[in-house]
Amino acid sequence: MTSFATLEASREDSRPFEIYAITLGILSYRFTSDPVDVVVGGLTYTASPIRRGSIASGQAERRRILAVKVPYDNPFAQLFVGPPPGARARIVITRLQRDEVPTFNTQRKLFDGAVMSVQFPDAITAELQTQSREALVGRHMPRYSQMGMCNHTLYGPGCDVVADAFKFTGTVSAVNGRTITVPGASGAGFSFKGGFVRLGSGSPDFRLVLSQAGNDLTLLLPFMQSPVGASIDCFAGCNHLATGDCASVFDNVIRNGGFPFVPSRNIFTKGVL
């Protein structure tokens, strides 16, 4: 038996390679820096000319962007050529030793984070801008703002509304730029303005709804591919007002995260009267 630690320490026998696992919703992409495809844990990692920057540790890692460069035609990178996916992709980089016995018995995780953006610096390269989990959770920001509107993210923690209870599923019949037509949407019983639409269960492709006119929903961004004929889930929107949708649509005033009774008039600059 040849251990991972023994090979790592050897100048002659060490033959390391890395595997890259990228997940975006229900989509999975697996690549390896090895010149040939490898099978690890029953999953095939496709050989690709992939390289990355150095991985920092400690305080520097919290602020650093790790660049991962792949070919322009990389299938994951191609998702960002047009309108980007609505969800954020996770990327995990793992180091292995080619000659370990038992084969690939040791897997050293080098990086676990998210793909923040994808850039195309030239006609042959795509650059994934990634940031570690430590960096993502290490940001300091106010938890709440003192404003009349609810601070919670709709359907998120604090709001706790069950999204599927305010979902309408239909079929896209037409697309005009950023506007999609979903027959039956106008009769759902609630407005989708401020909500979102998602192509199929578990799809990473979802879009914010800016406005609704009957069965026509105008989105913040168009979908990556034409959704005509596809099944789509539409989720009700909220204006985040305690006396508005929070009460009339969701019956969720008790969890409203705003400060609706804060006076809008500043008596220190405008006086009492």
C-alpha atoms as a PDB file:
ATOM      1  CA  MET A   1       0.000   0.000   0.000  1.00  0.00           C
ATOM      2  CA  THR A   2       1.162   3.509  -0.845  1.00  0.00           C
ATOM      3  CA  SER A   3      -0.394   6.229   1.213  1.00  0.00           C
ATOM      4  CA  PHE A   4      -1.390   9.690   0.058  1.00  0.00           C
ATOM      5  CA  ALA A   5       0.892  11.268   2.677  1.00  0.00           C
ATOM      6  CA  THR A   6       3.909   9.280   1.447  1.00  0.00           C
ATOM      7  CA  LEU A   7       3.342  10.322  -2.162  1.00  0.00           C
ATOM      8  CA  GLU A   8       2.733  13.958  -1.230  1.00  0.00           C
ATOM      9  CA  ALA A   9       6.075  14.127   0.554  1.00  0.00           C
ATOM     10  CA  SER A  10       8.037  12.449  -2.265  1.00  0.00           C
ATOM     11  CA  ARG A  11       9.790  14.540  -4.907  1.00  0.00           C
ATOM     12  CA  GLU A  12      10.037  11.636  -7.338  1.00  0.00           C
ATOM     13  CA  ASP A  13       6.824   9.696  -6.832  1.00  0.00           C
ATOM     14  CA  SER A  14       4.299  12.464  -6.244  1.00  0.00           C
ATOM     15  CA  ARG A  15       1.885  12.736  -9.179  1.00  0.00           C
ATOM     16  CA  PRO A  16      -0.999  14.866  -7.929  1.00  0.00           C
ATOM     17  CA  PHE A  17      -4.022  15.971  -9.876  1.00  0.00           C
ATOM     18  CA  GLU A  18      -7.217  17.794  -9.042  1.00  0.00           C
ATOM     19  CA  ILE A  19     -10.900  17.247  -9.659  1.00  0.00           C
ATOM     20  CA  TYR A  20     -13.440  20.050  -9.949  1.00  0.00           C
ATOM     21  CA  ALA A  21     -17.096  19.456  -9.056  1.00  0.00           C
ATOM     22  CA  ILE A  22     -19.530  22.242  -9.983  1.00  0.00           C
ATOM     23  CA  THR A  23     -23.217  22.036  -9.106  1.00  0.00           C
ATOM     24  CA  LEU A  24     -25.909  24.446 -10.229  1.00  0.00           C
ATOM     25  CA  GLY A  25     -29.340  23.408  -9.031  1.00  0.00           C
ATOM     26  CA  ILE A  26     -29.970  19.967 -10.507  1.00  0.00           C
ATOM     27  CA  LEU A  27     -27.093  20.370 -12.991  1.00  0.00           C
ATOM     28  CA  SER A  28     -23.666  18.863 -12.286  1.00  0.00           C
ATOM     29  CA  TYR A  29     -20.364  19.432 -14.072  1.00  0.00           C
ATOM     30  CA  ARG A  30     -17.209  17.462 -13.289  1.00  0.00           C
ATOM     31  CA  PHE A  31     -13.726  18.165 -14.655  1.00  0.00           C
ATOM     32  CA  THR A  32     -10.161  17.091 -13.906  1.00  0.00           C
ATOM     33  CA  SER A  33      -6.752  18.600 -14.518  1.00  0.00           C
ATOM     34  CA  ASP A  34      -5.509  15.088 -15.349  1.00  0.00           C
ATOM     35  CA  PRO A  35      -4.796  14.533 -19.082  1.00  0.00           C
ATOM     36  CA  VAL A  36      -7.324  11.669 -19.197  1.00  0.00           C
ATOM     37  CA  ASP A  37     -10.790  11.174 -17.751  1.00  0.00           C
ATOM     38  CA  VAL A  38     -10.817   9.692 -14.265  1.00  0.00           C
ATOM     39  CA  VAL A  39     -13.490   7.905 -12.259  1.00  0.00           C
ATOM     40  CA  VAL A  40     -13.665   8.811  -8.570  1.00  0.00           C
ATOM     41  CA  GLY A  41     -16.367   7.412  -6.340  1.00  0.00           C
ATOM     42  CA  GLY A  42     -18.222   6.072  -9.358  1.00  0.00           C
ATOM     43  CA  LEU A  43     -18.372   9.531 -11.006  1.00  0.00           C
ATOM     44  CA  THR A  44     -16.505  10.430 -14.184  1.00  0.00           C
ATOM     45  CA  TYR A  45     -14.459  13.637 -14.262  1.00  0.00           C
ATOM     46  CA  THR A  46     -13.756  14.855 -17.785  1.00  0.00           C
ATOM     47  CA  ALA A  47     -10.205  15.829 -18.686  1.00  0.00           C
ATOM     48  CA  SER A  48     -10.013  19.552 -19.398  1.00  0.00           C
ATOM     49  CA  PRO A  49      -7.209  22.156 -19.694  1.00  0.00           C
ATOM     50  CA  ILE A  50      -8.182  23.789 -16.428  1.00  0.00           C
ATOM     51  CA  ARG A  51      -5.968  25.847 -14.127  1.00  0.00           C
ATOM     52  CA  ARG A  52      -6.425  28.034 -11.096  1.00  0.00           C
ATOM     53  CA  GLY A  53      -4.701  30.641  -8.982  1.00  0.00           C
ATOM     54  CA  SER A  54      -3.131  29.926  -5.606  1.00  0.00           C
ATOM     55  CA  ILE A  55      -5.416  29.202  -2.660  1.00  0.00           C
ATOM     56  CA  ALA A  56      -4.796  31.477   0.297  1.00  0.00           C
ATOM     57  CA  SER A  57      -5.380  30.639   3.949  1.00  0.00           C
ATOM     58  CA  GLY A  58      -6.203  32.612   7.069  1.00  0.00           C
ATOM     59  CA  GLN A  59      -7.474  36.182   6.901  1.00  0.00           C
ATOM     60  CA  ALA A  60      -6.408  36.608   3.281  1.00  0.00           C
ATOM     61  CA  GLU A  61      -8.788  33.859   2.182  1.00  0.00           C
ATOM     62  CA  ARG A  62     -11.768  35.816   3.480  1.00  0.00           C
ATOM     63  CA  ARG A  63     -11.127  38.603   0.981  1.00  0.00           C
ATOM     64  CA  ARG A  64      -9.577  36.795  -1.945  1.00  0.00           C
ATOM     65  CA  ILE A  65     -11.127  35.863  -5.281  1.00  0.00           C
ATOM     66  CA  LEU A  66      -9.854  32.558  -6.682  1.00  0.00           C
ATOM     67  CA  ALA A  67      -9.725  32.584 -10.499  1.00  0.00           C
ATOM     68  CA  VAL A  68     -10.317  29.270 -12.275  1.00  0.00           C
ATOM     69  CA  LYS A  69      -9.564  29.343 -16.001  1.00  0.00           C
ATOM     70  CA  VAL A  70     -11.243  26.937 -18.426  1.00  0.00           C
ATOM     71  CA  PRO A  71     -11.660  26.823 -22.229  1.00  0.00           C
ATOM     72  CA  TYR A  72     -14.218  29.213 -23.720  1.00  0.00           C
ATOM     73  CA  ASP A  73     -16.384  26.285 -24.863  1.00  0.00           C
ATOM     74  CA  ASN A  74     -16.507  24.698 -21.385  1.00  0.00           C
ATOM     75  CA  PRO A  75     -20.158  23.595 -20.945  1.00  0.00           C
ATOM     76  CA  PHE A  76     -20.505  25.301 -17.567  1.00  0.00           C
ATOM     77  CA  ALA A  77     -18.954  28.558 -18.790  1.00  0.00           C
ATOM     78  CA  GLN A  78     -21.295  28.551 -21.787  1.00  0.00           C
ATOM     79  CA  LEU A  79     -24.242  29.043 -19.425  1.00  0.00           C
ATOM     80  CA  PHE A  80     -22.960  32.587 -18.870  1.00  0.00           C
ATOM     81  CA  VAL A  81     -22.522  33.621 -22.506  1.00  0.00           C
ATOM     82  CA  GLY A  82     -26.075  35.011 -22.525  1.00  0.00           C
ATOM     83  CA  PRO A  83     -28.316  35.899 -19.570  1.00  0.00           C
ATOM     84  CA  PRO A  84     -26.756  34.162 -16.531  1.00  0.00           C
ATOM     85  CA  PRO A  85     -28.520  31.512 -14.428  1.00  0.00           C
ATOM     86  CA  GLY A  86     -30.607  32.791 -11.540  1.00  0.00           C
ATOM     87  CA  ALA A  87     -28.947  30.515  -8.990  1.00  0.00           C
ATOM     88  CA  ARG A  88     -25.368  30.557  -7.724  1.00  0.00           C
ATOM     89  CA  ALA A  89     -23.148  27.582  -8.498  1.00  0.00           C
ATOM     90  CA  ARG A  90     -21.064  25.740  -5.921  1.00  0.00           C
ATOM     91  CA  ILE A  91     -17.521  24.630  -6.768  1.00  0.00           C
ATOM     92  CA  VAL A  92     -15.421  22.085  -4.858  1.00  0.00           C
ATOM     93  CA  ILE A  93     -11.767  21.445  -5.718  1.00  0.00           C
ATOM     94  CA  THR A  94     -10.206  18.214  -4.467  1.00  0.00           C
ATOM     95  CA  ARG A  95      -6.601  16.991  -4.700  1.00  0.00           C
ATOM     96  CA  LEU A  96      -5.704  13.320  -5.213  1.00  0.00           C
ATOM     97  CA  GLN A  97      -2.589  11.265  -5.852  1.00  0.00           C
ATOM     98  CA  ARG A  98      -2.621   9.264  -9.076  1.00  0.00           C
ATOM     99  CA  ASP A  99      -0.630   6.304  -7.696  1.00  0.00           C
ATOM    100  CA  GLU A 100      -2.230   5.920  -4.267  1.00  0.00           C
ATOM    101  CA  VAL A 101      -3.061   2.354  -3.229  1.00  0.00           C
ATOM    102  CA  PRO A 102      -5.959   1.744  -2.621  1.00  0.00           C
ATOM    103  CA  THR A 103      -6.750   3.988  -5.582  1.00  0.00           C
ATOM    104  CA  PHE A 104      -7.952   7.486  -4.587  1.00  0.00           C
ATOM    105  CA  ASN A 105      -8.519   6.330  -1.024  1.00  0.00           C
ATOM    106  CA  THR A 106      -7.559   9.801   0.250  1.00  0.00           C
ATOM    107  CA  GLN A 107      -9.232  12.939  -1.034  1.00  0.00           C
ATOM    108  CA  ARG A 108      -7.988  16.294   0.240  1.00  0.00           C
ATOM    109  CA  LYS A 109     -10.495  19.099  -0.219  1.00  0.00           C
ATOM    110  CA  LEU A 110      -8.622  22.239  -1.250  1.00  0.00           C
ATOM    111  CA  PHE A 111     -11.476  24.650  -1.847  1.00  0.00           C
ATOM    112  CA  ASP A 112     -15.223  24.859  -1.286  1.00  0.00           C
ATOM    113  CA  GLY A 113     -17.021  27.960  -2.422  1.00  0.00           C
ATOM    114  CA  ALA A 114     -19.293  29.647  -4.949  1.00  0.00           C
ATOM    115  CA  VAL A 115     -18.909  30.925  -8.497  1.00  0.00           C
ATOM    116  CA  MET A 116     -19.518  34.671  -8.223  1.00  0.00           C
ATOM    117  CA  SER A 117     -19.223  35.461 -11.934  1.00  0.00           C
ATOM    118  CA  VAL A 118     -17.801  34.201 -15.223  1.00  0.00           C
ATOM    119  CA  GLN A 119     -15.678  36.452 -17.446  1.00  0.00           C
ATOM    120  CA  PHE A 120     -14.464  35.968 -21.012  1.00  0.00           C
ATOM    121  CA  PRO A 121     -11.127  37.827 -21.325  1.00  0.00           C
ATOM    122  CA  ASP A 122     -10.506  36.529 -24.860  1.00  0.00           C
ATOM    123  CA  ALA A 123     -11.933  34.258 -27.536  1.00  0.00           C
ATOM    124  CA  ILE A 124     -10.433  31.059 -26.105  1.00  0.00           C
ATOM    125  CA  THR A 125     -10.664  31.455 -22.327  1.00  0.00           C
ATOM    126  CA  ALA A 126     -13.354  31.693 -19.676  1.00  0.00           C
ATOM    127  CA  GLU A 127     -12.452  32.744 -16.153  1.00  0.00           C
ATOM    128  CA  LEU A 128     -14.563  31.651 -13.186  1.00  0.00           C
ATOM    129  CA  GLN A 129     -14.397  34.154 -10.337  1.00  0.00           C
ATOM    130  CA  THR A 130     -14.934  32.113  -7.170  1.00  0.00           C
ATOM    131  CA  GLN A 131     -14.960  32.865  -3.465  1.00  0.00           C
ATOM    132  CA  SER A 132     -14.707  30.508  -0.516  1.00  0.00           C
ATOM    133  CA  ARG A 133     -17.493  29.764   1.923  1.00  0.00           C
ATOM    134  CA  GLU A 134     -15.472  31.448   4.649  1.00  0.00           C
ATOM    135  CA  ALA A 135     -15.428  34.656   2.635  1.00  0.00           C
ATOM    136  CA  LEU A 136     -19.152  34.497   1.915  1.00  0.00           C
ATOM    137  CA  VAL A 137     -20.120  34.155   5.571  1.00  0.00           C
ATOM    138  CA  GLY A 138     -17.413  36.489   6.879  1.00  0.00           C
ATOM    139  CA  ARG A 139     -19.024  39.700   5.664  1.00  0.00           C
ATOM    140  CA  HIS A 140     -20.280  42.146   8.255  1.00  0.00           C
ATOM    141  CA  MET A 141     -23.479  43.998   7.502  1.00  0.00           C
ATOM    142  CA  PRO A 142     -26.539  45.249   9.407  1.00  0.00           C
ATOM    143  CA  ARG A 143     -29.127  42.547   9.946  1.00  0.00           C
ATOM    144  CA  TYR A 144     -32.062  44.921   9.636  1.00  0.00           C
ATOM    145  CA  SER A 145     -32.691  48.419   8.353  1.00  0.00           C
ATOM    146  CA  GLN A 146     -35.193  50.595  10.201  1.00  0.00           C
ATOM    147  CA  MET A 147     -37.699  51.046   7.413  1.00  0.00           C
ATOM    148  CA  GLY A 148     -41.392  50.581   6.840  1.00  0.00           C
ATOM    149  CA  MET A 149     -40.948  47.666   4.439  1.00  0.00           C
ATOM    150  CA  CYS A 150     -40.254  44.152   5.691  1.00  0.00           C
ATOM    151  CA  ASN A 151     -36.551  43.276   5.896  1.00  0.00           C
ATOM    152  CA  HIS A 152     -37.072  39.555   5.292  1.00  0.00           C
ATOM    153  CA  THR A 153     -36.489  37.860   1.963  1.00  0.00           C
ATOM    154  CA  LEU A 154     -39.792  36.548   0.667  1.00  0.00           C
ATOM    155  CA  TYR A 155     -40.092  32.803   1.477  1.00  0.00           C
ATOM    156  CA  GLY A 156     -36.755  32.979   3.330  1.00  0.00           C
ATOM    157  CA  PRO A 157     -35.835  32.729   7.040  1.00  0.00           C
ATOM    158  CA  GLY A 158     -37.878  35.056   9.191  1.00  0.00           C
ATOM    159  CA  CYS A 159     -40.631  35.276   6.592  1.00  0.00           C
ATOM    160  CA  ASP A 160     -41.168  31.499   6.746  1.00  0.00           C
ATOM    161  CA  VAL A 161     -43.994  31.502   4.185  1.00  0.00           C
ATOM    162  CA  VAL A 162     -44.143  28.153   2.358  1.00  0.00           C
ATOM    163  CA  ALA A 163     -43.489  28.978  -1.302  1.00  0.00           C
ATOM    164  CA  ASP A 164     -45.403  26.003  -2.687  1.00  0.00           C
ATOM    165  CA  ALA A 165     -48.588  27.311  -1.029  1.00  0.00           C
ATOM    166  CA  PHE A 166     -48.439  30.349  -3.334  1.00  0.00           C
ATOM    167  CA  LYS A 167     -47.326  28.633  -6.535  1.00  0.00           C
ATOM    168  CA  PHE A 168     -49.026  28.505  -9.904  1.00  0.00           C
ATOM    169  CA  THR A 169     -47.775  26.033 -12.508  1.00  0.00           C
ATOM    170  CA  GLY A 170     -48.465  26.712 -16.158  1.00  0.00           C
ATOM    171  CA  THR A 171     -46.970  26.416 -19.632  1.00  0.00           C
ATOM    172  CA  VAL A 172     -45.231  29.277 -21.414  1.00  0.00           C
ATOM    173  CA  SER A 173     -47.106  29.990 -24.643  1.00  0.00           C
ATOM    174  CA  ALA A 174     -45.137  32.976 -25.948  1.00  0.00           C
ATOM    175  CA  VAL A 175     -42.033  35.092 -25.344  1.00  0.00           C
ATOM    176  CA  ASN A 176     -41.450  38.711 -26.321  1.00  0.00           C
ATOM    177  CA  GLY A 177     -38.068  39.932 -25.113  1.00  0.00           C
ATOM    178  CA  ARG A 178     -38.202  39.794 -21.306  1.00  0.00           C
ATOM    179  CA  THR A 179     -41.973  39.173 -21.239  1.00  0.00           C
ATOM    180  CA  ILE A 180     -43.406  35.670 -21.098  1.00  0.00           C
ATOM    181  CA  THR A 181     -47.045  34.660 -21.464  1.00  0.00           C
ATOM    182  CA  VAL A 182     -48.379  32.017 -19.083  1.00  0.00           C
ATOM    183  CA  PRO A 183     -52.067  31.226 -19.725  1.00  0.00           C
ATOM    184  CA  GLY A 184     -54.023  31.090 -16.457  1.00  0.00           C
ATOM    185  CA  ALA A 185     -51.601  33.253 -14.475  1.00  0.00           C
ATOM    186  CA  SER A 186     -54.160  36.057 -14.169  1.00  0.00           C
ATOM    187  CA  GLY A 187     -56.561  33.715 -12.391  1.00  0.00           C
ATOM    188  CA  ALA A 188     -54.118  32.400  -9.816  1.00  0.00           C
ATOM    189  CA  GLY A 189     -55.638  34.526  -7.052  1.00  0.00           C
ATOM    190  CA  PHE A 190     -52.520  36.586  -6.354  1.00  0.00           C
ATOM    191  CA  SER A 191     -50.058  38.803  -8.202  1.00  0.00           C
ATOM    192  CA  PHE A 192     -46.623  37.620  -9.256  1.00  0.00           C
ATOM    193  CA  LYS A 193     -45.092  41.121  -9.253  1.00  0.00           C
ATOM    194  CA  GLY A 194     -42.093  40.988  -6.921  1.00  0.00           C
ATOM    195  CA  GLY A 195     -42.141  37.190  -6.997  1.00  0.00           C
ATOM    196  CA  PHE A 196     -40.228  34.869  -9.289  1.00  0.00           C
ATOM    197  CA  VAL A 197     -40.661  32.188 -11.925  1.00  0.00           C
ATOM    198  CA  ARG A 198     -38.713  28.960 -12.232  1.00  0.00           C
ATOM    199  CA  LEU A 199     -38.396  26.565 -15.144  1.00  0.00           C
ATOM    200  CA  GLY A 200     -39.260  23.132 -13.770  1.00  0.00           C
ATOM    201  CA  SER A 201     -38.749  21.777 -10.264  1.00  0.00           C
ATOM    202  CA  GLY A 202     -35.167  22.174  -9.043  1.00  0.00           C
ATOM    203  CA  SER A 203     -34.042  24.144 -12.084  1.00  0.00           C
ATOM    204  CA  PRO A 204     -31.304  26.748 -11.488  1.00  0.00           C
ATOM    205  CA  ASP A 205     -32.974  28.976 -14.060  1.00  0.00           C
ATOM    206  CA  PHE A 206     -35.306  31.364 -12.267  1.00  0.00           C
ATOM    207  CA  ARG A 207     -36.100  35.021 -12.814  1.00  0.00           C
ATOM    208  CA  LEU A 208     -37.519  37.929 -10.784  1.00  0.00           C
ATOM    209  CA  VAL A 209     -40.901  39.193 -11.978  1.00  0.00           C
ATOM    210  CA  LEU A 210     -40.912  42.985 -12.361  1.00  0.00           C
ATOM    211  CA  SER A 211     -44.539  43.414 -13.406  1.00  0.00           C
ATOM    212  CA  GLN A 212     -47.651  41.537 -14.460  1.00  0.00           C
ATOM    213  CA  ALA A 213     -50.356  42.443 -16.969  1.00  0.00           C
ATOM    214  CA  GLY A 214     -52.910  39.651 -17.184  1.00  0.00           C
ATOM    215  CA  ASN A 215     -51.093  36.517 -18.261  1.00  0.00           C
ATOM    216  CA  ASP A 216     -47.984  38.466 -19.297  1.00  0.00           C
ATOM    217  CA  LEU A 217     -45.082  38.499 -16.836  1.00  0.00           C
ATOM    218  CA  THR A 218     -42.160  40.867 -17.413  1.00  0.00           C
ATOM    219  CA  LEU A 219     -38.906  39.482 -16.032  1.00  0.00           C
ATOM    220  CA  LEU A 220     -35.721  41.173 -14.855  1.00  0.00           C
ATOM    221  CA  LEU A 221     -33.723  39.101 -17.362  1.00  0.00           C
ATOM    222  CA  PRO A 222     -34.767  36.719 -20.145  1.00  0.00           C
ATOM    223  CA  PHE A 223     -34.145  33.019 -19.747  1.00  0.00           C
ATOM    224  CA  MET A 224     -30.969  31.458 -21.129  1.00  0.00           C
ATOM    225  CA  GLN A 225     -33.029  29.476 -23.663  1.00  0.00           C
ATOM    226  CA  SER A 226     -36.506  30.036 -25.024  1.00  0.00           C
ATOM    227  CA  PRO A 227     -39.025  28.651 -22.494  1.00  0.00           C
ATOM    228  CA  VAL A 228     -41.906  28.399 -25.011  1.00  0.00           C
ATOM    229  CA  GLY A 229     -43.738  25.142 -24.401  1.00  0.00           C
ATOM    230  CA  ALA A 230     -41.950  24.525 -21.095  1.00  0.00           C
ATOM    231  CA  SER A 231     -43.630  24.028 -17.738  1.00  0.00           C
ATOM    232  CA  ILE A 232     -42.999  26.937 -15.399  1.00  0.00           C
ATOM    233  CA  ASP A 233     -43.611  27.523 -11.692  1.00  0.00           C
ATOM    234  CA  CYS A 234     -44.771  31.046 -10.803  1.00  0.00           C
ATOM    235  CA  PHE A 235     -44.517  32.209  -7.180  1.00  0.00           C
ATOM    236  CA  ALA A 236     -46.540  35.081  -5.728  1.00  0.00           C
ATOM    237  CA  GLY A 237     -44.807  38.372  -5.067  1.00  0.00           C
ATOM    238  CA  CYS A 238     -44.975  40.668  -2.050  1.00  0.00           C
ATOM    239  CA  ASN A 239     -44.728  44.448  -1.634  1.00  0.00           C
ATOM    240  CA  HIS A 240     -43.242  43.871   1.854  1.00  0.00           C
ATOM    241  CA  LEU A 241     -45.781  46.141   3.567  1.00  0.00           C
ATOM    242  CA  ALA A 242     -47.481  45.051   6.801  1.00  0.00           C
ATOM    243  CA  THR A 243     -50.724  46.643   5.627  1.00  0.00           C
ATOM    244  CA  GLY A 244     -50.260  45.355   2.067  1.00  0.00           C
ATOM    245  CA  ASP A 245     -49.490  41.918   0.667  1.00  0.00           C
ATOM    246  CA  CYS A 246     -48.107  40.691   3.979  1.00  0.00           C
ATOM    247  CA  ALA A 247     -51.650  40.882   5.368  1.00  0.00           C
ATOM    248  CA  SER A 248     -53.943  40.510   2.361  1.00  0.00           C
ATOM    249  CA  VAL A 249     -52.072  37.776   0.477  1.00  0.00           C
ATOM    250  CA  PHE A 250     -49.942  35.871   2.962  1.00  0.00           C
ATOM    251  CA  ASP A 251     -51.710  36.531   6.301  1.00  0.00           C
ATOM    252  CA  ASN A 252     -48.228  36.850   7.773  1.00  0.00           C
ATOM    253  CA  VAL A 253     -48.234  40.207   9.572  1.00  0.00           C
ATOM    254  CA  ILE A 254     -47.020  38.583  12.787  1.00  0.00           C
ATOM    255  CA  ARG A 255     -43.681  37.860  11.043  1.00  0.00           C
ATOM    256  CA  ASN A 256     -43.372  41.164   9.215  1.00  0.00           C
ATOM    257  CA  GLY A 257     -39.772  42.317   9.599  1.00  0.00           C
ATOM    258  CA  GLY A 258     -40.371  46.018   9.009  1.00  0.00           C
ATOM    259  CA  PHE A 259     -41.078  49.050  11.174  1.00  0.00           C
ATOM    260  CA  PRO A 260     -44.376  50.267   9.712  1.00  0.00           C
ATOM    261  CA  PHE A 261     -45.134  52.803  12.448  1.00  0.00           C
ATOM    262  CA  VAL A 262     -41.885  54.776  12.296  1.00  0.00           C
ATOM    263  CA  PRO A 263     -42.855  58.387  11.386  1.00  0.00           C
ATOM    264  CA  SER A 264     -41.865  59.384   7.871  1.00  0.00           C
ATOM    265  CA  ARG A 265     -41.435  63.034   8.904  1.00  0.00           C
ATOM    266  CA  ASN A 266     -38.113  64.009  10.469  1.00  0.00           C
ATOM    267  CA  ILE A 267     -39.068  66.497  13.189  1.00  0.00           C
ATOM    268  CA  PHE A 268     -35.419  67.559  13.643  1.00  0.00           C
ATOM    269  CA  THR A 269     -35.207  68.945  10.095  1.00  0.00           C
ATOM    270  CA  LYS A 270     -38.841  69.775   9.309  1.00  0.00           C
ATOM    271  CA  GLY A 271     -40.294  70.628  12.693  1.00  0.00           C
ATOM    272  CA  VAL A 272     -43.209  69.128  14.594  1.00  0.00           C
ATOM    273  CA  LEU A 273     -45.917  70.763  12.489  1.00  0.00           C
END
